[in-house]
Structure formats: C-alpha cells, structure tokens
PDB file of N, CA and C in Angstrom:
ATOM      1  N   UNK A   1     -29.971  28.931 102.755  1.00  0.00           N
ATOM      2  CA  UNK A   1     -30.624  30.108 102.232  1.00  0.00           C
ATOM      3  C   UNK A   1     -32.073  30.121 102.703  1.00  0.00           C
ATOM      4  N   UNK A   2     -32.533  31.257 103.240  1.00  0.00           N
ATOM      5  CA  UNK A   2     -33.900  31.388 103.750  1.00  0.00           C
ATOM      6  C   UNK A   2     -34.842  31.704 102.601  1.00  0.00           C
ATOM      7  N   UNK A   3     -35.955  30.957 102.526  1.00  0.00           N
ATOM      8  CA  UNK A   3     -36.977  31.229 101.525  1.00  0.00           C
ATOM      9  C   UNK A   3     -38.090  32.026 102.173  1.00  0.00           C
ATOM     10  N   UNK A   4     -38.535  33.057 101.503  1.00  0.00           N
ATOM     11  CA  UNK A   4     -39.587  33.898 102.047  1.00  0.00           C
ATOM     12  C   UNK A   4     -40.942  33.508 101.471  1.00  0.00           C
ATOM     13  N   UNK A   5     -41.968  33.858 102.179  1.00  0.00           N
ATOM     14  CA  UNK A   5     -43.327  33.540 101.780  1.00  0.00           C
ATOM     15  C   UNK A   5     -43.787  34.611 100.810  1.00  0.00           C
ATOM     16  N   UNK A   6     -44.337  34.206  99.684  1.00  0.00           N
ATOM     17  CA  UNK A   6     -44.750  35.188  98.694  1.00  0.00           C
ATOM     18  C   UNK A   6     -45.855  36.080  99.248  1.00  0.00           C
ATOM     19  N   UNK A   7     -45.823  37.323  98.858  1.00  0.00           N
ATOM     20  CA  UNK A   7     -46.849  38.262  99.265  1.00  0.00           C
ATOM     21  C   UNK A   7     -46.605  38.933 100.597  1.00  0.00           C
ATOM     22  N   UNK A   8     -45.571  38.527 101.322  1.00  0.00           N
ATOM     23  CA  UNK A   8     -45.277  39.152 102.612  1.00  0.00           C
ATOM     24  C   UNK A   8     -44.061  40.054 102.489  1.00  0.00           C
ATOM     25  N   UNK A   9     -44.038  41.134 103.259  1.00  0.00           N
ATOM     26  CA  UNK A   9     -42.857  41.998 103.220  1.00  0.00           C
ATOM     27  C   UNK A   9     -41.626  41.236 103.681  1.00  0.00           C
ATOM     28  N   UNK A  10     -40.493  41.595 103.146  1.00  0.00           N
ATOM     29  CA  UNK A  10     -39.249  40.877 103.419  1.00  0.00           C
ATOM     30  C   UNK A  10     -38.408  41.531 104.495  1.00  0.00           C
ATOM     31  N   UNK A  11     -39.005  42.324 105.365  1.00  0.00           N
ATOM     32  CA  UNK A  11     -38.222  43.055 106.370  1.00  0.00           C
ATOM     33  C   UNK A  11     -37.852  42.169 107.541  1.00  0.00           C
ATOM     34  N   UNK A  12     -36.582  41.856 107.641  1.00  0.00           N
ATOM     35  CA  UNK A  12     -36.088  41.115 108.798  1.00  0.00           C
ATOM     36  C   UNK A  12     -36.046  42.062 109.981  1.00  0.00           C
ATOM     37  N   UNK A  13     -36.393  41.573 111.147  1.00  0.00           N
ATOM     38  CA  UNK A  13     -36.446  42.422 112.329  1.00  0.00           C
ATOM     39  C   UNK A  13     -35.099  42.413 113.031  1.00  0.00           C
ATOM     40  N   UNK A  14     -34.575  43.580 113.285  1.00  0.00           N
ATOM     41  CA  UNK A  14     -33.272  43.690 113.943  1.00  0.00           C
ATOM     42  C   UNK A  14     -33.448  43.753 115.449  1.00  0.00           C
ATOM     43  N   UNK A  15     -32.352  43.640 116.160  1.00  0.00           N
ATOM     44  CA  UNK A  15     -32.394  43.723 117.615  1.00  0.00           C
ATOM     45  C   UNK A  15     -32.847  45.100 118.087  1.00  0.00           C
ATOM     46  N   UNK A  16     -32.612  46.153 117.292  1.00  0.00           N
ATOM     47  CA  UNK A  16     -32.980  47.503 117.706  1.00  0.00           C
ATOM     48  C   UNK A  16     -34.487  47.654 117.865  1.00  0.00           C
ATOM     49  N   UNK A  17     -35.274  46.966 117.031  1.00  0.00           N
ATOM     50  CA  UNK A  17     -36.723  47.139 117.122  1.00  0.00           C
ATOM     51  C   UNK A  17     -37.420  45.911 117.699  1.00  0.00           C
ATOM     52  N   UNK A  18     -36.724  45.108 118.459  1.00  0.00           N
ATOM     53  CA  UNK A  18     -37.349  43.903 119.012  1.00  0.00           C
ATOM     54  C   UNK A  18     -38.408  44.250 120.039  1.00  0.00           C
ATOM     55  N   UNK A  19     -38.334  45.393 120.699  1.00  0.00           N
ATOM     56  CA  UNK A  19     -39.354  45.817 121.643  1.00  0.00           C
ATOM     57  C   UNK A  19     -40.696  46.003 120.934  1.00  0.00           C
ATOM     58  N   UNK A  20     -40.655  46.453 119.661  1.00  0.00           N
ATOM     59  CA  UNK A  20     -41.874  46.673 118.901  1.00  0.00           C
ATOM     60  C   UNK A  20     -42.599  45.370 118.590  1.00  0.00           C
ATOM     61  N   UNK A  21     -41.905  44.250 118.719  1.00  0.00           N
ATOM     62  CA  UNK A  21     -42.513  42.959 118.409  1.00  0.00           C
ATOM     63  C   UNK A  21     -43.480  42.490 119.477  1.00  0.00           C
ATOM     64  N   UNK A  22     -43.310  42.921 120.716  1.00  0.00           N
ATOM     65  CA  UNK A  22     -44.156  42.424 121.781  1.00  0.00           C
ATOM     66  C   UNK A  22     -45.596  42.807 121.493  1.00  0.00           C
ATOM     67  N   UNK A  23     -46.498  41.850 121.636  1.00  0.00           N
ATOM     68  CA  UNK A  23     -47.917  41.987 121.320  1.00  0.00           C
ATOM     69  C   UNK A  23     -48.170  42.185 119.834  1.00  0.00           C
ATOM     70  N   UNK A  24     -47.200  41.850 119.005  1.00  0.00           N
ATOM     71  CA  UNK A  24     -47.394  41.948 117.565  1.00  0.00           C
ATOM     72  C   UNK A  24     -47.774  40.587 117.009  1.00  0.00           C
ATOM     73  N   UNK A  25     -48.226  40.598 115.780  1.00  0.00           N
ATOM     74  CA  UNK A  25     -48.496  39.358 115.065  1.00  0.00           C
ATOM     75  C   UNK A  25     -47.376  39.198 114.058  1.00  0.00           C
ATOM     76  N   UNK A  26     -46.681  38.085 114.136  1.00  0.00           N
ATOM     77  CA  UNK A  26     -45.525  37.857 113.281  1.00  0.00           C
ATOM     78  C   UNK A  26     -45.664  36.538 112.545  1.00  0.00           C
ATOM     79  N   UNK A  27     -44.949  36.438 111.443  1.00  0.00           N
ATOM     80  CA  UNK A  27     -44.865  35.187 110.699  1.00  0.00           C
ATOM     81  C   UNK A  27     -43.519  34.566 111.028  1.00  0.00           C
ATOM     82  N   UNK A  28     -43.548  33.343 111.535  1.00  0.00           N
ATOM     83  CA  UNK A  28     -42.325  32.650 111.934  1.00  0.00           C
ATOM     84  C   UNK A  28     -42.148  31.397 111.091  1.00  0.00           C
ATOM     85  N   UNK A  29     -40.926  31.136 110.705  1.00  0.00           N
ATOM     86  CA  UNK A  29     -40.592  29.893 110.026  1.00  0.00           C
ATOM     87  C   UNK A  29     -39.956  28.955 111.023  1.00  0.00           C
ATOM     88  N   UNK A  30     -40.760  28.129 111.647  1.00  0.00           N
ATOM     89  CA  UNK A  30     -40.268  27.226 112.684  1.00  0.00           C
ATOM     90  C   UNK A  30     -40.445  25.797 112.201  1.00  0.00           C
ATOM     91  N   UNK A  31     -39.363  25.067 112.074  1.00  0.00           N
ATOM     92  CA  UNK A  31     -39.364  23.645 111.725  1.00  0.00           C
ATOM     93  C   UNK A  31     -39.999  23.350 110.372  1.00  0.00           C
ATOM     94  N   UNK A  32     -40.160  24.342 109.518  1.00  0.00           N
ATOM     95  CA  UNK A  32     -40.673  24.072 108.178  1.00  0.00           C
ATOM     96  C   UNK A  32     -40.417  25.281 107.300  1.00  0.00           C
ATOM     97  N   UNK A  33     -40.567  25.083 106.011  1.00  0.00           N
ATOM     98  CA  UNK A  33     -40.400  26.194 105.085  1.00  0.00           C
ATOM     99  C   UNK A  33     -41.646  27.069 105.067  1.00  0.00           C
ATOM    100  N   UNK A  34     -42.746  26.559 105.581  1.00  0.00           N
ATOM    101  CA  UNK A  34     -43.981  27.327 105.606  1.00  0.00           C
ATOM    102  C   UNK A  34     -44.033  28.164 106.882  1.00  0.00           C
ATOM    103  N   UNK A  35     -44.291  29.437 106.736  1.00  0.00           N
ATOM    104  CA  UNK A  35     -44.383  30.319 107.898  1.00  0.00           C
ATOM    105  C   UNK A  35     -45.731  30.184 108.574  1.00  0.00           C
ATOM    106  N   UNK A  36     -45.759  30.377 109.854  1.00  0.00           N
ATOM    107  CA  UNK A  36     -46.981  30.300 110.656  1.00  0.00           C
ATOM    108  C   UNK A  36     -47.186  31.608 111.388  1.00  0.00           C
ATOM    109  N   UNK A  37     -48.419  32.087 111.383  1.00  0.00           N
ATOM    110  CA  UNK A  37     -48.733  33.303 112.123  1.00  0.00           C
ATOM    111  C   UNK A  37     -48.751  32.986 113.613  1.00  0.00           C
ATOM    112  N   UNK A  38     -48.260  33.911 114.397  1.00  0.00           N
ATOM    113  CA  UNK A  38     -48.270  33.749 115.850  1.00  0.00           C
ATOM    114  C   UNK A  38     -48.224  35.123 116.497  1.00  0.00           C
ATOM    115  N   UNK A  39     -48.733  35.179 117.715  1.00  0.00           N
ATOM    116  CA  UNK A  39     -48.704  36.411 118.487  1.00  0.00           C
ATOM    117  C   UNK A  39     -47.498  36.373 119.411  1.00  0.00           C
ATOM    118  N   UNK A  40     -46.706  37.413 119.399  1.00  0.00           N
ATOM    119  CA  UNK A  40     -45.532  37.493 120.254  1.00  0.00           C
ATOM    120  C   UNK A  40     -45.992  37.935 121.646  1.00  0.00           C
ATOM    121  N   UNK A  41     -45.745  37.076 122.641  1.00  0.00           N
ATOM    122  CA  UNK A  41     -46.174  37.353 124.010  1.00  0.00           C
ATOM    123  C   UNK A  41     -45.089  38.111 124.766  1.00  0.00           C
ATOM    124  N   UNK A  42     -43.865  37.593 124.736  1.00  0.00           N
ATOM    125  CA  UNK A  42     -42.757  38.232 125.444  1.00  0.00           C
ATOM    126  C   UNK A  42     -41.451  37.584 125.003  1.00  0.00           C
ATOM    127  N   UNK A  43     -40.354  38.089 125.547  1.00  0.00           N
ATOM    128  CA  UNK A  43     -39.043  37.480 125.362  1.00  0.00           C
ATOM    129  C   UNK A  43     -38.676  36.733 126.625  1.00  0.00           C
ATOM    130  N   UNK A  44     -37.898  35.676 126.465  1.00  0.00           N
ATOM    131  CA  UNK A  44     -37.404  34.980 127.646  1.00  0.00           C
ATOM    132  C   UNK A  44     -36.349  35.861 128.311  1.00  0.00           C
ATOM    133  N   UNK A  45     -36.176  35.681 129.605  1.00  0.00           N
ATOM    134  CA  UNK A  45     -35.244  36.513 130.365  1.00  0.00           C
ATOM    135  C   UNK A  45     -33.861  35.889 130.480  1.00  0.00           C
ATOM    136  N   UNK A  46     -33.622  34.811 129.750  1.00  0.00           N
ATOM    137  CA  UNK A  46     -32.294  34.197 129.777  1.00  0.00           C
ATOM    138  C   UNK A  46     -31.381  34.898 128.767  1.00  0.00           C
ATOM    139  N   UNK A  47     -30.203  34.410 128.598  1.00  0.00           N
ATOM    140  CA  UNK A  47     -29.251  35.013 127.684  1.00  0.00           C
ATOM    141  C   UNK A  47     -29.632  34.900 126.220  1.00  0.00           C
ATOM    142  N   UNK A  48     -30.522  33.981 125.892  1.00  0.00           N
ATOM    143  CA  UNK A  48     -30.893  33.760 124.495  1.00  0.00           C
ATOM    144  C   UNK A  48     -31.939  34.746 124.002  1.00  0.00           C
ATOM    145  N   UNK A  49     -32.771  35.252 124.900  1.00  0.00           N
ATOM    146  CA  UNK A  49     -33.845  36.187 124.559  1.00  0.00           C
ATOM    147  C   UNK A  49     -34.729  35.644 123.438  1.00  0.00           C
ATOM    148  N   UNK A  50     -35.109  34.360 123.599  1.00  0.00           N
ATOM    149  CA  UNK A  50     -36.034  33.757 122.659  1.00  0.00           C
ATOM    150  C   UNK A  50     -37.403  34.407 122.807  1.00  0.00           C
ATOM    151  N   UNK A  51     -38.278  34.154 121.847  1.00  0.00           N
ATOM    152  CA  UNK A  51     -39.623  34.713 121.879  1.00  0.00           C
ATOM    153  C   UNK A  51     -40.616  33.669 122.355  1.00  0.00           C
ATOM    154  N   UNK A  52     -41.544  34.072 123.185  1.00  0.00           N
ATOM    155  CA  UNK A  52     -42.658  33.231 123.603  1.00  0.00           C
ATOM    156  C   UNK A  52     -43.824  33.611 122.701  1.00  0.00           C
ATOM    157  N   UNK A  53     -44.392  32.613 122.025  1.00  0.00           N
ATOM    158  CA  UNK A  53     -45.424  32.848 121.020  1.00  0.00           C
ATOM    159  C   UNK A  53     -46.689  32.068 121.333  1.00  0.00           C
ATOM    160  N   UNK A  54     -47.809  32.583 120.879  1.00  0.00           N
ATOM    161  CA  UNK A  54     -49.069  31.840 120.883  1.00  0.00           C
ATOM    162  C   UNK A  54     -49.492  31.660 119.432  1.00  0.00           C
ATOM    163  N   UNK A  55     -49.902  30.453 119.105  1.00  0.00           N
ATOM    164  CA  UNK A  55     -50.250  30.108 117.730  1.00  0.00           C
ATOM    165  C   UNK A  55     -51.503  30.829 117.268  1.00  0.00           C
ATOM    166  N   UNK A  56     -51.523  31.154 115.983  1.00  0.00           N
ATOM    167  CA  UNK A  56     -52.709  31.695 115.324  1.00  0.00           C
ATOM    168  C   UNK A  56     -53.038  30.754 114.177  1.00  0.00           C
ATOM    169  N   UNK A  57     -54.301  30.358 114.089  1.00  0.00           N
ATOM    170  CA  UNK A  57     -54.740  29.450 113.034  1.00  0.00           C
ATOM    171  C   UNK A  57     -55.869  30.096 112.246  1.00  0.00           C
ATOM    172  N   UNK A  58     -55.862  29.884 110.940  1.00  0.00           N
ATOM    173  CA  UNK A  58     -56.948  30.391 110.108  1.00  0.00           C
ATOM    174  C   UNK A  58     -58.093  29.381 109.992  1.00  0.00           C
ATOM    175  N   UNK A  59     -57.943  28.235 110.655  1.00  0.00           N
ATOM    176  CA  UNK A  59     -58.990  27.217 110.646  1.00  0.00           C
ATOM    177  C   UNK A  59     -59.942  27.508 111.811  1.00  0.00           C
ATOM    178  N   UNK A  60     -61.124  28.012 111.485  1.00  0.00           N
ATOM    179  CA  UNK A  60     -62.127  28.330 112.501  1.00  0.00           C
ATOM    180  C   UNK A  60     -63.081  27.152 112.640  1.00  0.00           C
ATOM    181  N   UNK A  61     -63.143  26.596 113.803  1.00  0.00           N
ATOM    182  CA  UNK A  61     -64.034  25.470 114.071  1.00  0.00           C
ATOM    183  C   UNK A  61     -65.395  26.002 114.532  1.00  0.00           C
ATOM    184  N   UNK A  62     -66.417  25.164 114.419  1.00  0.00           N
ATOM    185  CA  UNK A  62     -67.757  25.590 114.828  1.00  0.00           C
ATOM    186  C   UNK A  62     -67.829  25.808 116.333  1.00  0.00           C
ATOM    187  N   UNK A  63     -67.062  25.036 117.096  1.00  0.00           N
ATOM    188  CA  UNK A  63     -67.006  25.214 118.538  1.00  0.00           C
ATOM    189  C   UNK A  63     -65.687  25.891 118.899  1.00  0.00           C
ATOM    190  N   UNK A  64     -65.794  27.033 119.548  1.00  0.00           N
ATOM    191  CA  UNK A  64     -64.606  27.789 119.955  1.00  0.00           C
ATOM    192  C   UNK A  64     -64.243  27.400 121.381  1.00  0.00           C
ATOM    193  N   UNK A  65     -62.978  27.105 121.611  1.00  0.00           N
ATOM    194  CA  UNK A  65     -62.490  26.758 122.946  1.00  0.00           C
ATOM    195  C   UNK A  65     -62.531  27.987 123.846  1.00  0.00           C
ATOM    196  N   UNK A  66     -62.632  27.761 125.133  1.00  0.00           N
ATOM    197  CA  UNK A  66     -62.602  28.877 126.082  1.00  0.00           C
ATOM    198  C   UNK A  66     -61.243  29.562 126.094  1.00  0.00           C
ATOM    199  N   UNK A  67     -60.231  28.922 125.512  1.00  0.00           N
ATOM    200  CA  UNK A  67     -58.883  29.492 125.459  1.00  0.00           C
ATOM    201  C   UNK A  67     -58.573  30.151 124.120  1.00  0.00           C
ATOM    202  N   UNK A  68     -59.572  30.361 123.288  1.00  0.00           N
ATOM    203  CA  UNK A  68     -59.367  30.949 121.969  1.00  0.00           C
ATOM    204  C   UNK A  68     -59.873  32.381 121.920  1.00  0.00           C
ATOM    205  N   UNK A  69     -59.191  33.194 121.131  1.00  0.00           N
ATOM    206  CA  UNK A  69     -59.636  34.554 120.842  1.00  0.00           C
ATOM    207  C   UNK A  69     -59.824  34.642 119.334  1.00  0.00           C
ATOM    208  N   UNK A  70     -61.035  35.003 118.904  1.00  0.00           N
ATOM    209  CA  UNK A  70     -61.307  35.148 117.479  1.00  0.00           C
ATOM    210  C   UNK A  70     -60.752  36.492 117.015  1.00  0.00           C
ATOM    211  N   UNK A  71     -59.936  36.444 115.960  1.00  0.00           N
ATOM    212  CA  UNK A  71     -59.345  37.649 115.387  1.00  0.00           C
ATOM    213  C   UNK A  71     -59.989  37.911 114.038  1.00  0.00           C
ATOM    214  N   UNK A  72     -60.708  38.999 113.921  1.00  0.00           N
ATOM    215  CA  UNK A  72     -61.313  39.403 112.648  1.00  0.00           C
ATOM    216  C   UNK A  72     -60.261  40.115 111.810  1.00  0.00           C
ATOM    217  N   UNK A  73     -60.258  39.849 110.529  1.00  0.00           N
ATOM    218  CA  UNK A  73     -59.304  40.485 109.622  1.00  0.00           C
ATOM    219  C   UNK A  73     -59.521  41.990 109.607  1.00  0.00           C
ATOM    220  N   UNK A  74     -58.438  42.737 109.779  1.00  0.00           N
ATOM    221  CA  UNK A  74     -58.491  44.188 109.642  1.00  0.00           C
ATOM    222  C   UNK A  74     -57.103  44.713 109.298  1.00  0.00           C
ATOM    223  N   UNK A  75     -57.023  46.008 109.053  1.00  0.00           N
ATOM    224  CA  UNK A  75     -55.738  46.588 108.648  1.00  0.00           C
ATOM    225  C   UNK A  75     -54.738  46.621 109.793  1.00  0.00           C
ATOM    226  N   UNK A  76     -55.218  46.579 111.033  1.00  0.00           N
ATOM    227  CA  UNK A  76     -54.305  46.637 112.183  1.00  0.00           C
ATOM    228  C   UNK A  76     -53.554  45.319 112.377  1.00  0.00           C
ATOM    229  N   UNK A  77     -54.261  44.179 112.260  1.00  0.00           N
ATOM    230  CA  UNK A  77     -53.578  42.903 112.514  1.00  0.00           C
ATOM    231  C   UNK A  77     -52.917  42.316 111.270  1.00  0.00           C
ATOM    232  N   UNK A  78     -53.310  42.727 110.100  1.00  0.00           N
ATOM    233  CA  UNK A  78     -52.656  42.278 108.877  1.00  0.00           C
ATOM    234  C   UNK A  78     -52.938  40.839 108.475  1.00  0.00           C
ATOM    235  N   UNK A  79     -53.871  40.173 109.143  1.00  0.00           N
ATOM    236  CA  UNK A  79     -54.196  38.790 108.791  1.00  0.00           C
ATOM    237  C   UNK A  79     -54.965  38.749 107.480  1.00  0.00           C
ATOM    238  N   UNK A  80     -54.776  37.696 106.702  1.00  0.00           N
ATOM    239  CA  UNK A  80     -55.441  37.568 105.408  1.00  0.00           C
ATOM    240  C   UNK A  80     -56.884  37.107 105.530  1.00  0.00           C
ATOM    241  N   UNK A  81     -57.200  36.399 106.619  1.00  0.00           N
ATOM    242  CA  UNK A  81     -58.570  35.946 106.847  1.00  0.00           C
ATOM    243  C   UNK A  81     -58.828  35.838 108.339  1.00  0.00           C
ATOM    244  N   UNK A  82     -60.106  35.783 108.717  1.00  0.00           N
ATOM    245  CA  UNK A  82     -60.452  35.641 110.121  1.00  0.00           C
ATOM    246  C   UNK A  82     -59.719  34.424 110.683  1.00  0.00           C
ATOM    247  N   UNK A  83     -59.228  34.565 111.901  1.00  0.00           N
ATOM    248  CA  UNK A  83     -58.374  33.530 112.487  1.00  0.00           C
ATOM    249  C   UNK A  83     -58.679  33.378 113.967  1.00  0.00           C
ATOM    250  N   UNK A  84     -58.034  32.400 114.580  1.00  0.00           N
ATOM    251  CA  UNK A  84     -58.202  32.169 116.007  1.00  0.00           C
ATOM    252  C   UNK A  84     -56.826  32.165 116.669  1.00  0.00           C
ATOM    253  N   UNK A  85     -56.714  32.942 117.742  1.00  0.00           N
ATOM    254  CA  UNK A  85     -55.501  32.987 118.551  1.00  0.00           C
ATOM    255  C   UNK A  85     -55.637  31.931 119.629  1.00  0.00           C
ATOM    256  N   UNK A  86     -54.759  30.948 119.605  1.00  0.00           N
ATOM    257  CA  UNK A  86     -54.791  29.830 120.553  1.00  0.00           C
ATOM    258  C   UNK A  86     -53.972  30.206 121.786  1.00  0.00           C
ATOM    259  N   UNK A  87     -54.647  30.697 122.822  1.00  0.00           N
ATOM    260  CA  UNK A  87     -53.966  31.157 124.026  1.00  0.00           C
ATOM    261  C   UNK A  87     -53.186  30.018 124.678  1.00  0.00           C
ATOM    262  N   UNK A  88     -53.684  28.794 124.565  1.00  0.00           N
ATOM    263  CA  UNK A  88     -52.989  27.654 125.155  1.00  0.00           C
ATOM    264  C   UNK A  88     -52.025  26.981 124.176  1.00  0.00           C
ATOM    265  N   UNK A  89     -51.833  27.557 123.010  1.00  0.00           N
ATOM    266  CA  UNK A  89     -50.884  27.043 122.017  1.00  0.00           C
ATOM    267  C   UNK A  89     -49.572  27.789 122.121  1.00  0.00           C
ATOM    268  N   UNK A  90     -48.842  27.568 123.210  1.00  0.00           N
ATOM    269  CA  UNK A  90     -47.651  28.341 123.528  1.00  0.00           C
ATOM    270  C   UNK A  90     -46.392  27.603 123.069  1.00  0.00           C
ATOM    271  N   UNK A  91     -45.526  28.328 122.375  1.00  0.00           N
ATOM    272  CA  UNK A  91     -44.233  27.785 121.947  1.00  0.00           C
ATOM    273  C   UNK A  91     -43.173  28.865 122.117  1.00  0.00           C
ATOM    274  N   UNK A  92     -41.923  28.461 122.077  1.00  0.00           N
ATOM    275  CA  UNK A  92     -40.835  29.430 122.017  1.00  0.00           C
ATOM    276  C   UNK A  92     -40.138  29.286 120.679  1.00  0.00           C
ATOM    277  N   UNK A  93     -39.543  30.367 120.219  1.00  0.00           N
ATOM    278  CA  UNK A  93     -38.801  30.353 118.962  1.00  0.00           C
ATOM    279  C   UNK A  93     -37.622  31.297 119.099  1.00  0.00           C
ATOM    280  N   UNK A  94     -36.586  30.998 118.360  1.00  0.00           N
ATOM    281  CA  UNK A  94     -35.441  31.902 118.336  1.00  0.00           C
ATOM    282  C   UNK A  94     -35.869  33.192 117.627  1.00  0.00           C
ATOM    283  N   UNK A  95     -35.351  34.306 118.054  1.00  0.00           N
ATOM    284  CA  UNK A  95     -35.786  35.582 117.481  1.00  0.00           C
ATOM    285  C   UNK A  95     -35.505  35.665 115.988  1.00  0.00           C
ATOM    286  N   UNK A  96     -34.467  34.979 115.513  1.00  0.00           N
ATOM    287  CA  UNK A  96     -34.180  35.048 114.082  1.00  0.00           C
ATOM    288  C   UNK A  96     -35.080  34.143 113.251  1.00  0.00           C
ATOM    289  N   UNK A  97     -35.970  33.370 113.886  1.00  0.00           N
ATOM    290  CA  UNK A  97     -36.962  32.604 113.140  1.00  0.00           C
ATOM    291  C   UNK A  97     -38.138  33.470 112.694  1.00  0.00           C
ATOM    292  N   UNK A  98     -38.225  34.680 113.230  1.00  0.00           N
ATOM    293  CA  UNK A  98     -39.285  35.593 112.798  1.00  0.00           C
ATOM    294  C   UNK A  98     -38.949  36.087 111.400  1.00  0.00           C
ATOM    295  N   UNK A  99     -39.845  35.835 110.467  1.00  0.00           N
ATOM    296  CA  UNK A  99     -39.635  36.259 109.089  1.00  0.00           C
ATOM    297  C   UNK A  99     -40.055  37.709 108.914  1.00  0.00           C
ATOM    298  N   UNK A 100     -41.222  38.053 109.435  1.00  0.00           N
ATOM    299  CA  UNK A 100     -41.707  39.419 109.328  1.00  0.00           C
ATOM    300  C   UNK A 100     -42.810  39.664 110.342  1.00  0.00           C
ATOM    301  N   UNK A 101     -43.064  40.911 110.626  1.00  0.00           N
ATOM    302  CA  UNK A 101     -44.188  41.290 111.461  1.00  0.00           C
ATOM    303  C   UNK A 101     -45.274  41.812 110.541  1.00  0.00           C
ATOM    304  N   UNK A 102     -46.503  41.317 110.693  1.00  0.00           N
ATOM    305  CA  UNK A 102     -47.568  41.721 109.777  1.00  0.00           C
ATOM    306  C   UNK A 102     -48.566  42.678 110.417  1.00  0.00           C
ATOM    307  N   UNK A 103     -48.529  42.840 111.725  1.00  0.00           N
ATOM    308  CA  UNK A 103     -49.488  43.741 112.354  1.00  0.00           C
ATOM    309  C   UNK A 103     -49.455  43.629 113.861  1.00  0.00           C
ATOM    310  N   UNK A 104     -50.491  44.161 114.489  1.00  0.00           N
ATOM    311  CA  UNK A 104     -50.595  44.156 115.947  1.00  0.00           C
ATOM    312  C   UNK A 104     -51.989  43.735 116.374  1.00  0.00           C
ATOM    313  N   UNK A 105     -52.072  43.206 117.579  1.00  0.00           N
ATOM    314  CA  UNK A 105     -53.375  42.914 118.151  1.00  0.00           C
ATOM    315  C   UNK A 105     -54.067  44.227 118.500  1.00  0.00           C
ATOM    316  N   UNK A 106     -55.368  44.288 118.263  1.00  0.00           N
ATOM    317  CA  UNK A 106     -56.124  45.468 118.665  1.00  0.00           C
ATOM    318  C   UNK A 106     -56.186  45.502 120.187  1.00  0.00           C
ATOM    319  N   UNK A 107     -56.545  46.649 120.750  1.00  0.00           N
ATOM    320  CA  UNK A 107     -56.650  46.757 122.206  1.00  0.00           C
ATOM    321  C   UNK A 107     -57.673  45.766 122.742  1.00  0.00           C
ATOM    322  N   UNK A 108     -58.784  45.601 122.039  1.00  0.00           N
ATOM    323  CA  UNK A 108     -59.829  44.660 122.461  1.00  0.00           C
ATOM    324  C   UNK A 108     -59.310  43.226 122.442  1.00  0.00           C
ATOM    325  N   UNK A 109     -58.643  42.838 121.355  1.00  0.00           N
ATOM    326  CA  UNK A 109     -58.105  41.479 121.245  1.00  0.00           C
ATOM    327  C   UNK A 109     -57.016  41.240 122.275  1.00  0.00           C
ATOM    328  N   UNK A 110     -56.182  42.240 122.516  1.00  0.00           N
ATOM    329  CA  UNK A 110     -55.110  42.114 123.503  1.00  0.00           C
ATOM    330  C   UNK A 110     -55.693  41.936 124.903  1.00  0.00           C
ATOM    331  N   UNK A 111     -56.746  42.660 125.219  1.00  0.00           N
ATOM    332  CA  UNK A 111     -57.392  42.526 126.522  1.00  0.00           C
ATOM    333  C   UNK A 111     -58.019  41.137 126.687  1.00  0.00           C
ATOM    334  N   UNK A 112     -58.678  40.638 125.638  1.00  0.00           N
ATOM    335  CA  UNK A 112     -59.237  39.275 125.690  1.00  0.00           C
ATOM    336  C   UNK A 112     -58.131  38.258 125.890  1.00  0.00           C
ATOM    337  N   UNK A 113     -57.017  38.433 125.167  1.00  0.00           N
ATOM    338  CA  UNK A 113     -55.884  37.521 125.316  1.00  0.00           C
ATOM    339  C   UNK A 113     -55.385  37.522 126.757  1.00  0.00           C
ATOM    340  N   UNK A 114     -55.182  38.692 127.333  1.00  0.00           N
ATOM    341  CA  UNK A 114     -54.666  38.785 128.705  1.00  0.00           C
ATOM    342  C   UNK A 114     -55.598  38.105 129.702  1.00  0.00           C
ATOM    343  N   UNK A 115     -56.899  38.353 129.573  1.00  0.00           N
ATOM    344  CA  UNK A 115     -57.870  37.739 130.483  1.00  0.00           C
ATOM    345  C   UNK A 115     -57.806  36.217 130.396  1.00  0.00           C
ATOM    346  N   UNK A 116     -57.773  35.681 129.185  1.00  0.00           N
ATOM    347  CA  UNK A 116     -57.752  34.232 129.004  1.00  0.00           C
ATOM    348  C   UNK A 116     -56.417  33.635 129.428  1.00  0.00           C
ATOM    349  N   UNK A 117     -55.326  34.365 129.205  1.00  0.00           N
ATOM    350  CA  UNK A 117     -54.012  33.871 129.605  1.00  0.00           C
ATOM    351  C   UNK A 117     -53.920  33.781 131.121  1.00  0.00           C
ATOM    352  N   UNK A 118     -54.403  34.793 131.833  1.00  0.00           N
ATOM    353  CA  UNK A 118     -54.388  34.779 133.295  1.00  0.00           C
ATOM    354  C   UNK A 118     -55.232  33.623 133.811  1.00  0.00           C
ATOM    355  N   UNK A 119     -56.413  33.412 133.235  1.00  0.00           N
ATOM    356  CA  UNK A 119     -57.266  32.288 133.655  1.00  0.00           C
ATOM    357  C   UNK A 119     -56.561  30.959 133.409  1.00  0.00           C
ATOM    358  N   UNK A 120     -55.835  30.878 132.303  1.00  0.00           N
ATOM    359  CA  UNK A 120     -55.131  29.647 131.959  1.00  0.00           C
ATOM    360  C   UNK A 120     -54.084  29.284 133.003  1.00  0.00           C
ATOM    361  N   UNK A 121     -53.333  30.269 133.477  1.00  0.00           N
ATOM    362  CA  UNK A 121     -52.272  29.951 134.438  1.00  0.00           C
ATOM    363  C   UNK A 121     -52.765  29.906 135.883  1.00  0.00           C
ATOM    364  N   UNK A 122     -53.969  30.398 136.133  1.00  0.00           N
ATOM    365  CA  UNK A 122     -54.513  30.352 137.493  1.00  0.00           C
ATOM    366  C   UNK A 122     -55.230  29.040 137.816  1.00  0.00           C
ATOM    367  N   UNK A 123     -55.461  28.229 136.822  1.00  0.00           N
ATOM    368  CA  UNK A 123     -56.182  26.968 137.049  1.00  0.00           C
ATOM    369  C   UNK A 123     -55.389  26.010 137.875  1.00  0.00           C
TER     370      UNK A 123
END
C-alpha cells in the first residue's frame, strides 16, 4: 500500500498526461517512504520510459555550486521553501514512483538549468 505525504495533492499521474511532466517539479517516492522533490528532465527512450530527474534540496548552503540553480518559492513551482536544483544530481525513476506534480520551473529557472546542464555535459 502506497503512503502519501500529508499536505500534498493525491493525484496520480496517468500515461495520458505524462508529456505535461517534462520540466515539471514532482514529488517522487524513491527507495523510501519520504518523497523527494525533483525536476523532471525527460523520459528514457527505451521500452520502460523511465524518468530522468534532477534532485531538488531545501538545504541551502552558504556556497552555491556552479551546477546549482536557486529556486525561490512561488506559486508556479509549488515548493514550500527556497530550494536548490542540483543539475549534477541526476537519477532515473520509474514513472509510477512519481507521487504528484507540484508545479513547474519558471522560464528563467528552466533557462538557467539548460545552460548549466549543457556546460555539465560539455566538460
């Protein structure tokens, strides 16, 4: 039985709206009962169509890595507090591990993510 995180909407994402997940911020339950915020980057092109995710952490350190994007809390992203998108914190997850989608990256944040992601793979 799946346990949901209190205070979050309980809408499971179906295959019909999986396109809407790309560049969204979702809560995933991966390897624990506690959900973790992550940005959905893309789907894998294999038969499994897993999701490629970048970690989001609410722990803001005094020194920001060159691979981090600071996300300010707003109604568009749905985050509860200012957070950091770890561009180099890449994982894959099965699509059914997504508990809910809480928002989307702003155009500015998405552009910063893309710039840092390209730099990361060009090194």
